[in-house]
Amino acid sequence: MTQNDFRLFCSEATARGFNHVLTAAGAVPVALWHPYGCFADGQPEHKHLQLNWTAINQAADTPPEQVKPGTPYGIWTFLP
């Protein structure tokens, strides 16, 4: 995922009416969210991050069909 793709995803989240995303540290504003620290350091691309909507208010960071059994992956819940 490129940094531009990530920005577009975040814009889509806010267009859906979500202002926060639930993380292990609590609810974080979408504008400040950097899953796993991605793009926080200005890197233009993160090869292992893909975000796909799996429900109206949830996204997975790996496409479900690519998740191997027993492999953890993040499900991100978005909040108004």
Protein backbone atom coordinates (compact mmCIF):
# COMPACT_ATOMS: atom_id res chain seq x y z
CA MET A 1 0.00 0.00 0.00
CA THR A 2 1.35 3.40 -0.88
CA GLN A 3 1.07 6.40 1.39
CA ASN A 4 -1.39 7.89 -1.10
CA ASP A 5 -3.54 4.72 -1.00
CA PHE A 6 -3.51 4.95 2.80
CA ARG A 7 -4.61 8.59 2.69
CA LEU A 8 -7.43 7.67 0.31
CA PHE A 9 -8.53 4.87 2.64
CA CYS A 10 -8.57 7.29 5.60
CA SER A 11 -10.54 9.81 3.52
CA GLU A 12 -13.06 7.09 2.71
CA ALA A 13 -13.35 6.27 6.42
CA THR A 14 -14.12 9.88 7.29
CA ALA A 15 -16.55 10.11 4.34
CA ARG A 16 -18.37 7.14 5.88
CA GLY A 17 -18.76 9.23 9.04
CA PHE A 18 -15.94 7.72 11.09
CA ASN A 19 -13.63 10.00 13.05
CA HIS A 20 -11.79 7.43 15.19
CA VAL A 21 -10.35 3.94 14.87
CA LEU A 22 -10.15 1.55 17.78
CA THR A 23 -6.58 0.42 18.53
CA ALA A 24 -4.92 -1.49 21.36
CA ALA A 25 -4.20 1.93 22.89
CA GLY A 26 -7.85 3.02 22.63
CA ALA A 27 -9.69 5.17 20.11
CA VAL A 28 -7.37 7.25 17.92
CA PRO A 29 -8.47 9.97 15.49
CA VAL A 30 -8.35 8.65 11.93
CA ALA A 31 -6.14 11.62 10.99
CA LEU A 32 -3.49 10.48 13.51
CA TRP A 33 -3.77 6.71 12.94
CA HIS A 34 -0.73 4.83 11.67
CA PRO A 35 -1.35 1.06 11.90
CA TYR A 36 1.83 -0.63 13.12
CA GLY A 37 3.59 2.72 12.72
CA CYS A 38 3.16 2.64 8.94
CA PHE A 39 3.80 5.94 7.19
CA ALA A 40 4.53 7.72 10.49
CA ASP A 41 8.13 8.12 9.36
CA GLY A 42 7.25 9.47 5.91
CA GLN A 43 7.99 6.23 4.02
CA PRO A 44 6.09 6.33 0.71
CA GLU A 45 5.15 2.62 0.68
CA HIS A 46 4.49 -0.26 3.05
CA LYS A 47 4.62 -3.56 1.17
CA HIS A 48 2.84 -5.67 3.77
CA LEU A 49 -0.09 -3.39 4.59
CA GLN A 50 -3.36 -3.67 2.71
CA LEU A 51 -6.61 -2.35 4.10
CA ASN A 52 -9.91 -3.81 2.91
CA TRP A 53 -13.37 -3.07 4.23
CA THR A 54 -14.87 -6.26 5.63
CA ALA A 55 -17.95 -4.65 7.21
CA ILE A 56 -19.54 -1.21 7.28
CA ASN A 57 -17.29 -0.12 10.16
CA GLN A 58 -14.44 -2.64 10.03
CA ALA A 59 -11.39 -3.19 7.85
CA ALA A 60 -8.81 -5.95 7.79
CA ASP A 61 -5.16 -5.19 7.15
CA THR A 62 -4.73 -8.38 5.12
CA PRO A 63 -7.24 -9.66 2.58
CA PRO A 64 -9.13 -12.53 4.28
CA GLU A 65 -8.33 -14.95 1.45
CA GLN A 66 -4.59 -14.39 2.04
CA VAL A 67 -4.61 -15.06 5.78
CA LYS A 68 -3.03 -18.39 6.62
CA PRO A 69 -4.55 -20.38 9.51
CA GLY A 70 -3.00 -19.35 12.80
CA THR A 71 -1.54 -16.14 11.38
CA PRO A 72 -2.62 -13.02 13.27
CA TYR A 73 -3.95 -10.08 11.37
CA GLY A 74 -5.62 -6.87 12.39
CA ILE A 75 -9.26 -6.05 12.26
CA TRP A 76 -9.74 -2.34 12.72
CA THR A 77 -13.05 -0.99 14.01
CA PHE A 78 -13.98 2.55 13.05
CA LEU A 79 -16.07 4.79 15.32
CA PRO A 80 -18.08 7.97 14.69
